[in-house]
Amino acid sequence: MASEILNGLTQSLGYQNLTIMALCVIAGIIVGTLPGLSATMGVALLVPITFGMHPATGLLALGSLYVGSMFGGANSAILINTPGTPAAVATTFDGYPLTLKGEADRALIAALVASVIGGIIGTLFLIFLASPLANFALGFGPAENFWLAVFGLTIIGSLAGKSITKGLIGGAFGLLLALIGLDPVSGYPRFTFGFDKLIEGINLLPAMIGFFSIPQVLNMMEKNDKYIASYTERKGIYKKTIIETLKRPVVLLRSSLIGTIIGILPGAGGNVAGFVAYNESKRFSKTPKEFGKGHFDGVVTSESANSSTVSSSLIPLLTLGIPGSPVAAVLLGGLLIHGLTPGSKLFTESSEIAYTFMMGLIVANVLLLILGLIGTRFFVKTIAVPLHYLAPIIAVLAVIGSYSIRNSILDVFVMLACGILGYFSMKFDVLPAPIVLGLILGVIAENGFVQANLVAQTGTSLATIFFTSPITITLIILTGLSIVTPILLSQLEKRTFKQNKNIDIKK
């Protein structure tokens, strides 16, 4: 295995492969930065171009674009509060507040370094622990997916802002949006209001673009400010921020492990990983109340988690032929057009190509670090664009991005409706994050629950399906802890405050 890894690294460092990978990383950053141009779309467009390449080179190109696009979503999330990809939603929580504080460069550098570290950790798991992790992923059935979604929904308390009640209202509304479309049991349309195209349901990307982009545009139009925030280039900020990020090994490792585990589960992906990792970092933080106000750890944890899903989503694909994410599904097509069959044969008959691809993902992350540090000097200048120019640019990109997903004008109207709703909901302190979380997890929860019910009709008890497997029991315990812990900490904080107050009075 050591010789195959070394040979794979040597192949990926070849001049031709390195040049193609660098170009694809740059293309991926651009694709990820632009709202609506998701990693899935970018990789899908690249697949036909790789047909004439050597199989290893073609896979390296696809993997590099995937790596670049996953980080690219952080650029727009941090600078204009509009995540370029669904996986970067959690990055907006602290990334944009840092921009408003005049620390956009610090947030971008932290996101880049965390993305690279998360990507490398995820790739190491892919190289050395692919088989056992793939077997673990097979243990996730409908009931496990349902409880994973329920566990994810408990995060709403962390995203609610000033009021947990309003956060729950936002989450409930997101769940209602997830119900639009065909009933998974009867196949009957629900809440489509006569629009046939809504039978497919609310697409996440137009909704996400609407909830984050349009309120931002309207807020820009309301302001009398000339720029989003003031920014002055500071000497030594690159070295200082890199060191500051590396001094958080626990946050980086914990978030990367969460992203790796969630990344191997089909249907979850970087967006769920970012939310879960963010919640756990907030739970273990000494300053949890600072999250959402420009906390450095918030950016680090989100980006390390979603980037680690890039490689981990390929674990079930390469070992079992089961894609762990939409991008992995497109990569499956890339493997097949090059005559490669995922599974044990890939590692026995085409081991050179397989290990070149996996080692190439590490090289791609190193290239991302180099190119990202160079690009940050240009990305950060976005906030120097006057608002009367920036607002219409964001609006146009939002419309183009929404339309390009399915070439449907209905998606544009969905985006605008979600945007107007998001704008007025923010006026009442109902933040868009819980709504988007409800929309993401509502689909996973319903599908898991319905499929588990169908399995129960074969004779297995429903209680047995939902409450007996080790994974479901673990998720139920985690769900209970996630609900109870904030309440207990809040009570403890109030008790400590009262005790300190009494001591001060006695003095």
Protein backbone atom coordinates (compact mmCIF):
# COMPACT_ATOMS: atom_id res chain seq x y z
CA MET A 1 0.00 0.00 0.00
CA ALA A 2 2.87 2.37 0.81
CA SER A 3 4.34 1.95 -2.68
CA GLU A 4 0.92 2.59 -4.26
CA ILE A 5 0.49 5.76 -2.21
CA LEU A 6 3.97 7.00 -3.14
CA ASN A 7 3.37 6.20 -6.80
CA GLY A 8 0.01 7.98 -6.69
CA LEU A 9 1.61 11.08 -5.18
CA THR A 10 4.34 11.04 -7.85
CA GLN A 11 1.78 10.75 -10.64
CA SER A 12 -0.36 13.58 -9.30
CA LEU A 13 2.70 15.84 -9.08
CA GLY A 14 3.46 15.45 -12.78
CA TYR A 15 3.68 18.74 -14.68
CA GLN A 16 0.59 18.13 -16.83
CA ASN A 17 -1.56 16.89 -13.95
CA LEU A 18 -0.42 19.72 -11.69
CA THR A 19 -1.26 22.37 -14.31
CA ILE A 20 -4.73 20.94 -14.96
CA MET A 21 -5.41 20.62 -11.24
CA ALA A 22 -4.40 24.24 -10.61
CA LEU A 23 -6.72 25.48 -13.37
CA CYS A 24 -9.59 23.36 -12.04
CA VAL A 25 -9.06 24.61 -8.47
CA ILE A 26 -9.32 28.19 -9.76
CA ALA A 27 -12.44 27.29 -11.76
CA GLY A 28 -13.89 25.61 -8.68
CA ILE A 29 -13.32 28.70 -6.52
CA ILE A 30 -15.14 30.83 -9.09
CA VAL A 31 -18.02 28.35 -9.41
CA GLY A 32 -18.38 28.10 -5.63
CA THR A 33 -18.27 31.85 -5.13
CA LEU A 34 -21.10 32.62 -7.56
CA PRO A 35 -24.52 31.90 -5.99
CA GLY A 36 -26.41 29.21 -7.88
CA LEU A 37 -23.37 27.69 -9.60
CA SER A 38 -23.01 24.73 -7.27
CA ALA A 39 -20.19 22.19 -7.13
CA THR A 40 -22.52 19.62 -8.68
CA MET A 41 -23.14 21.83 -11.69
CA GLY A 42 -19.45 22.63 -12.13
CA VAL A 43 -18.34 18.99 -11.96
CA ALA A 44 -21.16 17.93 -14.30
CA LEU A 45 -20.07 20.48 -16.89
CA LEU A 46 -16.47 19.31 -16.62
CA VAL A 47 -17.19 15.57 -17.04
CA PRO A 48 -17.54 15.66 -20.88
CA ILE A 49 -14.31 17.69 -21.17
CA THR A 50 -12.37 14.99 -19.31
CA PHE A 51 -13.48 12.27 -21.72
CA GLY A 52 -10.40 12.70 -23.91
CA MET A 53 -7.99 12.78 -20.97
CA HIS A 54 -6.14 9.92 -19.32
CA PRO A 55 -8.49 8.44 -16.64
CA ALA A 56 -6.24 9.54 -13.77
CA THR A 57 -5.91 13.07 -15.16
CA GLY A 58 -9.66 13.32 -15.74
CA LEU A 59 -10.44 12.25 -12.17
CA LEU A 60 -7.84 14.67 -10.78
CA ALA A 61 -9.49 17.51 -12.71
CA LEU A 62 -12.94 16.62 -11.36
CA GLY A 63 -11.67 16.23 -7.79
CA SER A 64 -9.78 19.53 -7.92
CA LEU A 65 -12.84 21.43 -9.09
CA TYR A 66 -14.83 19.81 -6.28
CA VAL A 67 -12.24 20.90 -3.71
CA GLY A 68 -12.08 24.46 -5.04
CA SER A 69 -15.83 24.94 -5.24
CA MET A 70 -16.40 23.75 -1.67
CA PHE A 71 -14.13 26.54 -0.40
CA GLY A 72 -15.40 29.07 -2.95
CA GLY A 73 -18.81 29.19 -1.27
CA ALA A 74 -17.15 30.81 1.76
CA ASN A 75 -16.04 33.87 -0.22
CA SER A 76 -19.52 35.20 -0.92
CA ALA A 77 -20.78 33.92 2.46
CA ILE A 78 -18.20 36.03 4.30
CA LEU A 79 -18.14 39.11 2.08
CA ILE A 80 -21.80 39.64 1.12
CA ASN A 81 -23.69 37.29 3.48
CA THR A 82 -24.75 35.12 0.54
CA PRO A 83 -23.45 31.53 0.62
CA GLY A 84 -22.20 30.46 -2.79
CA THR A 85 -23.02 26.82 -2.00
CA PRO A 86 -25.47 25.23 0.49
CA ALA A 87 -22.49 23.91 2.47
CA ALA A 88 -21.38 27.48 3.25
CA VAL A 89 -24.61 28.53 4.98
CA ALA A 90 -23.10 28.08 8.45
CA THR A 91 -20.10 30.20 7.40
CA THR A 92 -22.35 33.26 7.10
CA PHE A 93 -23.18 33.18 10.82
CA ASP A 94 -19.79 34.52 11.91
CA GLY A 95 -18.05 35.24 8.61
CA TYR A 96 -20.24 38.20 7.64
CA PRO A 97 -20.18 39.77 11.14
CA LEU A 98 -16.38 39.65 10.95
CA THR A 99 -16.62 41.53 7.64
CA LEU A 100 -18.82 44.18 9.27
CA LYS A 101 -16.12 44.55 11.94
CA GLY A 102 -13.55 45.30 9.23
CA GLU A 103 -11.94 41.86 9.48
CA ALA A 104 -12.95 40.38 6.12
CA ASP A 105 -9.36 39.36 5.32
CA ARG A 106 -9.03 37.56 8.65
CA ALA A 107 -12.26 35.63 8.04
CA LEU A 108 -11.27 34.66 4.48
CA ILE A 109 -7.82 33.44 5.51
CA ALA A 110 -9.27 31.45 8.42
CA ALA A 111 -11.86 29.87 6.12
CA LEU A 112 -9.16 28.95 3.61
CA VAL A 113 -6.79 27.36 6.13
CA ALA A 114 -9.64 25.50 7.84
CA SER A 115 -10.91 24.25 4.45
CA VAL A 116 -7.48 22.91 3.54
CA ILE A 117 -6.98 21.17 6.88
CA GLY A 118 -10.49 19.69 6.79
CA GLY A 119 -9.97 18.53 3.22
CA ILE A 120 -6.66 16.83 4.05
CA ILE A 121 -8.09 15.10 7.14
CA GLY A 122 -11.04 13.83 5.13
CA THR A 123 -8.70 12.54 2.43
CA LEU A 124 -6.55 10.69 4.97
CA PHE A 125 -9.68 8.87 6.14
CA LEU A 126 -10.46 8.07 2.50
CA ILE A 127 -6.99 6.59 1.94
CA PHE A 128 -6.56 4.60 5.15
CA LEU A 129 -10.05 3.88 6.53
CA ALA A 130 -12.28 3.70 3.47
CA SER A 131 -13.44 0.12 3.97
CA PRO A 132 -14.55 0.26 7.64
CA LEU A 133 -16.20 3.67 7.15
CA ALA A 134 -18.08 2.38 4.12
CA ASN A 135 -19.38 -0.53 6.20
CA PHE A 136 -20.45 1.97 8.88
CA ALA A 137 -22.36 3.95 6.25
CA LEU A 138 -24.22 0.78 5.25
CA GLY A 139 -25.61 0.66 8.79
CA PHE A 140 -27.60 3.82 8.10
CA GLY A 141 -31.10 2.90 7.02
CA PRO A 142 -34.32 4.97 6.92
CA ALA A 143 -34.69 5.05 10.73
CA GLU A 144 -31.09 6.18 11.23
CA ASN A 145 -31.54 8.94 8.64
CA PHE A 146 -34.73 10.06 10.39
CA TRP A 147 -33.01 10.35 13.77
CA LEU A 148 -30.03 12.10 12.19
CA ALA A 149 -32.43 14.71 10.81
CA VAL A 150 -34.16 15.05 14.19
CA PHE A 151 -30.77 15.50 15.87
CA GLY A 152 -29.95 18.15 13.28
CA LEU A 153 -33.18 20.00 14.02
CA THR A 154 -32.17 20.43 17.66
CA ILE A 155 -29.49 22.80 16.38
CA ILE A 156 -32.19 25.41 15.78
CA GLY A 157 -31.61 26.70 19.31
CA SER A 158 -28.06 27.63 18.32
CA LEU A 159 -29.23 29.46 15.19
CA ALA A 160 -32.26 31.20 16.66
CA GLY A 161 -30.57 34.47 17.56
CA LYS A 162 -32.21 36.39 20.42
CA SER A 163 -35.33 34.25 20.70
CA ILE A 164 -35.50 30.45 20.65
CA THR A 165 -39.27 30.67 20.09
CA LYS A 166 -38.78 32.67 16.89
CA GLY A 167 -36.08 30.22 15.84
CA LEU A 168 -38.54 27.35 16.27
CA ILE A 169 -41.10 29.27 14.22
CA GLY A 170 -38.53 29.64 11.43
CA GLY A 171 -37.61 25.95 11.62
CA ALA A 172 -41.29 24.94 11.51
CA PHE A 173 -41.81 27.09 8.44
CA GLY A 174 -38.82 25.44 6.78
CA LEU A 175 -40.38 22.04 7.50
CA LEU A 176 -43.60 23.22 5.85
CA LEU A 177 -41.65 24.27 2.75
CA ALA A 178 -40.10 20.79 2.68
CA LEU A 179 -43.61 19.29 2.39
CA ILE A 180 -44.29 20.98 -0.95
CA GLY A 181 -44.30 18.45 -3.79
CA LEU A 182 -45.41 14.84 -4.17
CA ASP A 183 -46.44 12.83 -1.13
CA PRO A 184 -43.85 10.03 -0.91
CA VAL A 185 -46.55 7.42 -0.10
CA SER A 186 -49.59 8.29 -2.20
CA GLY A 187 -47.79 10.24 -4.93
CA TYR A 188 -50.44 12.97 -4.60
CA PRO A 189 -49.35 16.61 -5.02
CA ARG A 190 -49.23 18.67 -1.80
CA PHE A 191 -49.30 22.46 -1.43
CA THR A 192 -48.54 23.05 -5.12
CA PHE A 193 -51.31 25.67 -5.51
CA GLY A 194 -51.95 24.59 -9.08
CA PHE A 195 -48.34 24.97 -10.26
CA ASP A 196 -47.38 21.67 -11.88
CA LYS A 197 -43.66 22.38 -11.64
CA LEU A 198 -43.92 22.59 -7.85
CA ILE A 199 -44.59 18.84 -7.93
CA GLU A 200 -40.81 18.43 -7.80
CA GLY A 201 -40.77 20.38 -4.54
CA ILE A 202 -38.85 23.48 -3.48
CA ASN A 203 -35.31 23.26 -4.78
CA LEU A 204 -32.84 24.10 -2.02
CA LEU A 205 -30.57 26.37 -4.06
CA PRO A 206 -33.22 28.92 -5.23
CA ALA A 207 -34.68 29.00 -1.72
CA MET A 208 -31.26 29.47 -0.16
CA ILE A 209 -30.33 32.22 -2.63
CA GLY A 210 -33.63 33.95 -1.91
CA PHE A 211 -33.43 33.78 1.88
CA PHE A 212 -29.88 35.13 1.98
CA SER A 213 -29.39 37.27 -1.16
CA ILE A 214 -32.59 39.28 -1.54
CA PRO A 215 -32.78 40.49 2.10
CA GLN A 216 -29.14 41.51 1.77
CA VAL A 217 -29.88 43.47 -1.41
CA LEU A 218 -32.87 45.21 0.19
CA ASN A 219 -30.83 46.04 3.29
CA MET A 220 -28.12 47.55 1.08
CA MET A 221 -30.75 49.73 -0.60
CA GLU A 222 -32.01 50.93 2.78
CA LYS A 223 -28.58 51.95 4.04
CA ASN A 224 -27.02 55.34 3.52
CA ASP A 225 -23.55 53.79 3.75
CA LYS A 226 -21.35 53.81 0.69
CA TYR A 227 -19.73 50.41 1.36
CA ILE A 228 -20.62 47.18 3.16
CA ALA A 229 -17.91 47.85 5.72
CA SER A 230 -14.67 49.73 6.10
CA TYR A 231 -11.54 47.79 5.30
CA THR A 232 -7.88 48.63 5.62
CA GLU A 233 -5.17 46.21 4.54
CA ARG A 234 -3.05 45.22 7.52
CA LYS A 235 0.55 44.08 7.50
CA GLY A 236 1.25 40.60 8.77
CA ILE A 237 -2.42 39.59 8.81
CA TYR A 238 -1.76 36.45 6.74
CA LYS A 239 0.89 35.02 9.05
CA LYS A 240 -1.02 36.05 12.17
CA THR A 241 -4.32 34.49 11.03
CA ILE A 242 -2.72 31.25 9.84
CA ILE A 243 -1.03 30.82 13.24
CA GLU A 244 -4.29 31.75 15.00
CA THR A 245 -6.16 29.06 13.05
CA LEU A 246 -3.53 26.39 13.65
CA LYS A 247 -3.71 27.10 17.40
CA ARG A 248 -7.20 25.55 17.36
CA PRO A 249 -6.34 21.86 16.81
CA VAL A 250 -9.29 20.61 18.88
CA VAL A 251 -11.84 22.68 16.93
CA LEU A 252 -10.28 21.70 13.60
CA LEU A 253 -10.07 18.00 14.41
CA ARG A 254 -13.54 17.75 15.97
CA SER A 255 -15.20 19.59 13.08
CA SER A 256 -13.29 17.58 10.47
CA LEU A 257 -14.27 14.30 12.14
CA ILE A 258 -17.93 15.36 12.22
CA GLY A 259 -17.74 16.34 8.55
CA THR A 260 -16.04 13.06 7.65
CA ILE A 261 -18.67 10.93 9.39
CA ILE A 262 -21.64 12.88 8.02
CA GLY A 263 -20.06 13.08 4.55
CA ILE A 264 -20.19 9.32 4.05
CA LEU A 265 -23.95 9.25 4.68
CA PRO A 266 -25.97 9.49 1.45
CA GLY A 267 -28.29 12.50 1.48
CA ALA A 268 -26.51 14.47 4.22
CA GLY A 269 -23.46 16.28 2.83
CA GLY A 270 -21.61 19.48 3.64
CA ASN A 271 -24.65 21.58 4.54
CA VAL A 272 -25.72 19.23 7.35
CA ALA A 273 -22.09 18.75 8.46
CA GLY A 274 -21.57 22.50 8.74
CA PHE A 275 -24.66 22.95 10.94
CA VAL A 276 -23.85 20.01 13.23
CA ALA A 277 -20.18 20.96 13.65
CA TYR A 278 -21.14 24.59 14.33
CA ASN A 279 -23.54 23.53 17.06
CA GLU A 280 -20.94 21.29 18.71
CA SER A 281 -18.27 23.99 18.62
CA LYS A 282 -20.70 26.39 20.23
CA ARG A 283 -21.61 23.81 22.86
CA PHE A 284 -17.96 23.22 23.87
CA SER A 285 -16.88 26.85 23.57
CA LYS A 286 -16.01 28.94 26.63
CA THR A 287 -17.75 31.91 24.96
CA PRO A 288 -20.88 30.45 23.30
CA LYS A 289 -22.74 33.76 23.38
CA GLU A 290 -20.17 35.26 21.00
CA PHE A 291 -21.14 32.82 18.23
CA GLY A 292 -23.14 34.57 15.56
CA LYS A 293 -21.48 37.89 16.35
CA GLY A 294 -18.18 37.32 14.56
CA HIS A 295 -16.61 34.45 16.50
CA PHE A 296 -13.42 33.20 14.85
CA ASP A 297 -14.18 29.57 15.76
CA GLY A 298 -17.51 29.77 13.92
CA VAL A 299 -15.77 30.27 10.58
CA VAL A 300 -13.09 27.67 11.33
CA THR A 301 -15.54 24.95 12.36
CA SER A 302 -17.93 25.44 9.47
CA GLU A 303 -15.29 25.39 6.76
CA SER A 304 -13.26 22.49 8.17
CA ALA A 305 -16.46 20.43 8.49
CA ASN A 306 -17.88 21.02 5.01
CA SER A 307 -14.51 20.60 3.28
CA SER A 308 -13.86 17.27 4.99
CA THR A 309 -17.06 15.95 3.36
CA VAL A 310 -15.45 16.27 -0.10
CA SER A 311 -13.28 13.19 0.34
CA SER A 312 -15.52 11.32 2.78
CA SER A 313 -18.46 11.48 0.35
CA LEU A 314 -16.25 9.52 -2.05
CA ILE A 315 -15.71 6.66 0.44
CA PRO A 316 -18.97 4.80 -0.29
CA LEU A 317 -18.60 5.70 -3.98
CA LEU A 318 -15.13 4.20 -4.46
CA THR A 319 -15.60 1.18 -2.19
CA LEU A 320 -19.27 0.29 -2.75
CA GLY A 321 -20.37 2.24 -5.81
CA ILE A 322 -22.87 4.22 -3.70
CA PRO A 323 -22.54 8.03 -4.06
CA GLY A 324 -22.44 9.91 -0.76
CA SER A 325 -23.43 13.26 -2.27
CA PRO A 326 -24.83 14.76 -5.50
CA VAL A 327 -21.28 15.59 -6.62
CA ALA A 328 -20.21 12.01 -5.92
CA ALA A 329 -23.08 10.85 -8.12
CA VAL A 330 -21.72 12.96 -10.97
CA LEU A 331 -18.22 11.62 -10.29
CA LEU A 332 -19.67 8.11 -10.63
CA GLY A 333 -20.50 9.04 -14.21
CA GLY A 334 -16.94 10.27 -14.63
CA LEU A 335 -15.59 6.92 -13.45
CA LEU A 336 -17.87 4.97 -15.75
CA ILE A 337 -17.08 6.95 -18.90
CA HIS A 338 -13.41 6.17 -18.29
CA GLY A 339 -14.21 2.47 -17.99
CA LEU A 340 -13.66 2.29 -14.23
CA THR A 341 -16.00 0.29 -12.00
CA PRO A 342 -16.27 1.38 -8.35
CA GLY A 343 -15.76 -1.31 -5.74
CA SER A 344 -13.09 -3.88 -5.00
CA LYS A 345 -12.09 -4.10 -8.68
CA LEU A 346 -11.13 -0.43 -8.65
CA PHE A 347 -8.47 -1.09 -6.01
CA THR A 348 -7.22 -4.37 -7.53
CA GLU A 349 -7.39 -3.85 -11.29
CA SER A 350 -6.94 -0.04 -11.37
CA SER A 351 -5.12 0.66 -8.11
CA GLU A 352 -2.68 3.07 -9.78
CA ILE A 353 -5.53 5.30 -10.95
CA ALA A 354 -7.39 5.00 -7.63
CA TYR A 355 -4.40 6.01 -5.49
CA THR A 356 -3.39 8.76 -7.92
CA PHE A 357 -6.88 10.21 -7.56
CA MET A 358 -6.86 9.99 -3.75
CA MET A 359 -3.37 11.44 -3.35
CA GLY A 360 -4.31 14.08 -5.90
CA LEU A 361 -7.00 15.33 -3.51
CA ILE A 362 -4.27 16.16 -0.97
CA VAL A 363 -2.25 17.93 -3.69
CA ALA A 364 -5.42 19.81 -4.71
CA ASN A 365 -5.84 21.07 -1.15
CA VAL A 366 -2.25 22.30 -1.09
CA LEU A 367 -2.85 24.08 -4.40
CA LEU A 368 -6.02 25.54 -2.92
CA LEU A 369 -4.00 26.99 -0.03
CA ILE A 370 -1.46 28.61 -2.36
CA LEU A 371 -3.96 29.93 -4.91
CA GLY A 372 -6.44 30.92 -2.19
CA LEU A 373 -3.88 33.04 -0.35
CA ILE A 374 -3.06 34.82 -3.59
CA GLY A 375 -6.75 35.26 -4.46
CA THR A 376 -7.74 36.56 -1.03
CA ARG A 377 -6.05 39.88 -1.82
CA PHE A 378 -8.50 40.28 -4.71
CA PHE A 379 -11.61 38.72 -3.11
CA VAL A 380 -11.51 41.09 -0.16
CA LYS A 381 -11.72 44.10 -2.49
CA THR A 382 -15.36 43.17 -3.16
CA ILE A 383 -16.42 45.14 -0.10
CA ALA A 384 -14.74 48.20 -1.61
CA VAL A 385 -17.38 48.21 -4.38
CA PRO A 386 -20.00 50.92 -3.69
CA LEU A 387 -23.37 49.52 -2.56
CA HIS A 388 -25.26 51.14 -5.43
CA TYR A 389 -23.20 48.96 -7.78
CA LEU A 390 -22.95 45.88 -5.58
CA ALA A 391 -26.68 45.53 -4.82
CA PRO A 392 -27.82 45.21 -8.47
CA ILE A 393 -24.89 42.86 -9.23
CA ILE A 394 -25.98 40.52 -6.41
CA ALA A 395 -29.61 40.70 -7.57
CA VAL A 396 -28.69 39.82 -11.15
CA LEU A 397 -26.47 36.92 -10.02
CA ALA A 398 -29.31 35.69 -7.80
CA VAL A 399 -31.72 35.63 -10.75
CA ILE A 400 -29.21 34.00 -13.11
CA GLY A 401 -28.16 31.45 -10.50
CA SER A 402 -31.74 30.48 -9.69
CA TYR A 403 -32.72 30.11 -13.33
CA SER A 404 -29.63 28.15 -14.35
CA ILE A 405 -30.26 25.31 -11.87
CA ARG A 406 -33.17 23.78 -13.83
CA ASN A 407 -33.69 26.40 -16.55
CA SER A 408 -37.00 27.16 -14.89
CA ILE A 409 -38.54 30.60 -14.45
CA LEU A 410 -40.52 29.13 -11.56
CA ASP A 411 -37.28 28.77 -9.59
CA VAL A 412 -36.73 32.51 -10.06
CA PHE A 413 -40.18 33.24 -8.62
CA VAL A 414 -39.50 30.82 -5.75
CA MET A 415 -36.24 32.64 -5.08
CA LEU A 416 -37.96 36.04 -5.09
CA ALA A 417 -40.79 34.79 -2.85
CA CYS A 418 -38.33 33.31 -0.37
CA GLY A 419 -36.31 36.53 -0.51
CA ILE A 420 -39.28 38.78 0.29
CA LEU A 421 -40.38 36.39 3.02
CA GLY A 422 -36.85 36.32 4.43
CA TYR A 423 -36.65 40.12 4.39
CA PHE A 424 -39.86 40.64 6.39
CA SER A 425 -39.13 37.70 8.72
CA MET A 426 -35.79 39.32 9.63
CA LYS A 427 -37.70 42.46 10.61
CA PHE A 428 -39.36 40.30 13.28
CA ASP A 429 -36.03 38.68 14.28
CA VAL A 430 -36.84 35.38 12.58
CA LEU A 431 -33.49 34.58 10.96
CA PRO A 432 -33.20 32.71 7.64
CA ALA A 433 -30.83 30.02 9.00
CA PRO A 434 -33.49 28.03 10.94
CA ILE A 435 -35.80 28.19 7.91
CA VAL A 436 -33.12 26.80 5.59
CA LEU A 437 -32.19 24.16 8.17
CA GLY A 438 -35.82 23.05 8.37
CA LEU A 439 -36.02 22.85 4.58
CA ILE A 440 -32.83 20.77 4.34
CA LEU A 441 -33.62 18.34 7.14
CA GLY A 442 -37.37 18.17 6.55
CA VAL A 443 -36.87 16.21 3.34
CA ILE A 444 -34.41 13.80 5.00
CA ALA A 445 -36.68 13.28 8.03
CA GLU A 446 -39.83 12.64 5.99
CA ASN A 447 -38.17 10.24 3.57
CA GLY A 448 -36.59 8.32 6.45
CA PHE A 449 -39.86 8.11 8.37
CA VAL A 450 -41.92 7.03 5.37
CA GLN A 451 -39.40 4.42 4.23
CA ALA A 452 -39.17 3.01 7.77
CA ASN A 453 -42.97 2.72 7.86
CA LEU A 454 -42.94 0.85 4.58
CA VAL A 455 -40.34 -1.56 5.98
CA ALA A 456 -42.53 -2.06 9.05
CA GLN A 457 -45.35 -3.26 6.81
CA THR A 458 -43.30 -6.35 5.98
CA GLY A 459 -43.79 -7.58 9.54
CA THR A 460 -41.04 -5.88 11.55
CA SER A 461 -42.27 -3.84 14.49
CA LEU A 462 -42.06 -0.06 13.99
CA ALA A 463 -40.64 0.29 17.50
CA THR A 464 -37.94 -2.25 16.65
CA ILE A 465 -36.94 -0.27 13.56
CA PHE A 466 -36.79 3.10 15.32
CA PHE A 467 -35.47 2.26 18.78
CA THR A 468 -33.26 -0.82 18.81
CA SER A 469 -30.22 -0.45 16.56
CA PRO A 470 -27.01 0.90 18.18
CA ILE A 471 -26.89 3.83 15.75
CA THR A 472 -30.49 4.94 16.44
CA ILE A 473 -29.97 4.63 20.21
CA THR A 474 -26.81 6.76 19.94
CA LEU A 475 -28.61 9.40 17.87
CA ILE A 476 -31.56 9.45 20.30
CA ILE A 477 -29.16 10.02 23.21
CA LEU A 478 -27.37 12.78 21.29
CA THR A 479 -30.73 14.37 20.47
CA GLY A 480 -31.72 14.33 24.14
CA LEU A 481 -28.39 15.81 25.19
CA SER A 482 -28.64 18.48 22.51
CA ILE A 483 -32.04 19.53 23.87
CA VAL A 484 -31.24 19.32 27.59
CA THR A 485 -27.67 20.71 27.63
CA PRO A 486 -28.52 24.33 26.66
CA ILE A 487 -31.30 24.39 29.27
CA LEU A 488 -29.01 23.08 32.01
CA LEU A 489 -26.22 25.49 31.06
CA SER A 490 -28.67 28.39 31.07
CA GLN A 491 -29.92 27.44 34.55
CA LEU A 492 -26.35 27.02 35.80
CA GLU A 493 -25.40 30.42 34.41
CA LYS A 494 -28.37 32.09 36.11
CA ARG A 495 -27.55 30.36 39.41
CA THR A 496 -23.89 31.44 39.19
CA PHE A 497 -24.96 35.00 38.39
CA LYS A 498 -27.26 35.10 41.43
CA GLN A 499 -24.57 33.69 43.70
CA ASN A 500 -22.03 36.26 42.51
CA LYS A 501 -24.60 39.00 42.96
CA ASN A 502 -25.35 37.90 46.52
CA ILE A 503 -21.62 37.81 47.31
CA ASP A 504 -21.22 41.36 45.97
CA ILE A 505 -24.18 42.55 48.08
CA LYS A 506 -22.73 40.98 51.26
CA LYS A 507 -19.40 42.68 50.58
